Amino acid sequence: MLGATQSTFKMWERIEAVVPRHELAAAIAALFELTPPLDSDAEAWRAMLVNRFGTVRPFLRLLVKVPTS
C-alpha cells in the first residue's frame, strides 16, 4: 500500500506543478455545474451538449494539452 501512496503523492506533485490544487478543484466544481446529474435523461443531455458545442469548440485545443515534464 505504501507504493500506491507514494505514486499518488508523486502524481499530485506533477499536477500541482501545472495548476494549483484550488484551481483544479474550482474547475472540477464548474464541470459538475455544467453537466447533468448522473440520473438524468441521457438523450436530453446529448441534445444540450450539441447546442453548447459551438461555444466550447474554440477552447478544446486547450483542454487536451498534456504536460511533458
Protein backbone atom coordinates (compact mmCIF):
# COMPACT_ATOMS: atom_id res chain seq x y z
CA MET A 1 0.00 0.00 0.00
CA LEU A 2 2.94 2.33 0.61
CA GLY A 3 3.82 2.22 -3.10
CA ALA A 4 0.34 3.38 -4.06
CA THR A 5 0.57 6.24 -1.56
CA GLN A 6 3.91 7.32 -2.96
CA SER A 7 2.57 7.13 -6.52
CA THR A 8 -0.43 9.26 -5.55
CA PHE A 9 1.85 11.79 -3.89
CA LYS A 10 4.06 11.98 -6.99
CA MET A 11 1.00 12.33 -9.21
CA TRP A 12 -0.23 15.31 -7.15
CA GLU A 13 3.24 16.88 -7.29
CA ARG A 14 3.16 16.71 -11.09
CA ILE A 15 -0.38 18.06 -11.29
CA GLU A 16 0.37 20.93 -8.90
CA ALA A 17 3.43 21.84 -10.96
CA VAL A 18 0.97 22.74 -13.74
CA VAL A 19 -2.06 24.01 -11.82
CA PRO A 20 -2.61 24.80 -8.13
CA ARG A 21 -4.91 22.37 -6.34
CA HIS A 22 -7.51 25.06 -5.55
CA GLU A 23 -7.76 25.98 -9.25
CA LEU A 24 -8.18 22.33 -10.18
CA ALA A 25 -10.90 21.93 -7.54
CA ALA A 26 -12.70 25.02 -8.91
CA ALA A 27 -12.50 23.63 -12.45
CA ILE A 28 -13.94 20.29 -11.34
CA ALA A 29 -16.74 22.06 -9.48
CA ALA A 30 -17.52 24.03 -12.66
CA LEU A 31 -17.71 20.78 -14.62
CA PHE A 32 -20.23 19.40 -12.18
CA GLU A 33 -22.30 22.56 -12.57
CA LEU A 34 -22.24 22.24 -16.36
CA THR A 35 -23.03 18.54 -16.59
CA PRO A 36 -26.37 16.95 -15.81
CA PRO A 37 -26.97 14.79 -12.75
CA LEU A 38 -25.99 11.15 -13.20
CA ASP A 39 -29.63 10.06 -13.03
CA SER A 40 -30.82 12.47 -15.75
CA ASP A 41 -32.10 11.69 -19.25
CA ALA A 42 -29.04 10.95 -21.40
CA GLU A 43 -30.77 11.84 -24.68
CA ALA A 44 -31.76 15.30 -23.43
CA TRP A 45 -28.20 15.83 -22.21
CA ARG A 46 -26.77 14.93 -25.61
CA ALA A 47 -29.10 17.44 -27.29
CA MET A 48 -27.99 20.15 -24.85
CA LEU A 49 -24.34 19.23 -25.49
CA VAL A 50 -24.77 19.62 -29.25
CA ASN A 51 -26.23 23.08 -28.68
CA ARG A 52 -23.25 24.09 -26.49
CA PHE A 53 -20.57 22.66 -28.78
CA GLY A 54 -20.17 25.87 -30.75
CA THR A 55 -19.43 27.74 -27.54
CA VAL A 56 -16.73 25.38 -26.28
CA ARG A 57 -15.18 24.40 -29.61
CA PRO A 58 -12.55 27.20 -29.61
CA PHE A 59 -11.29 26.00 -26.21
CA LEU A 60 -11.00 22.29 -26.97
CA ARG A 61 -7.33 22.51 -28.00
CA LEU A 62 -6.52 23.98 -24.60
CA LEU A 63 -8.19 21.06 -22.84
CA VAL A 64 -6.03 18.42 -24.48
CA LYS A 65 -2.64 19.96 -23.77
CA VAL A 66 -0.54 17.36 -21.98
CA PRO A 67 2.36 18.49 -19.78
CA THR A 68 5.62 16.85 -20.77
CA SER A 69 7.54 17.32 -17.54
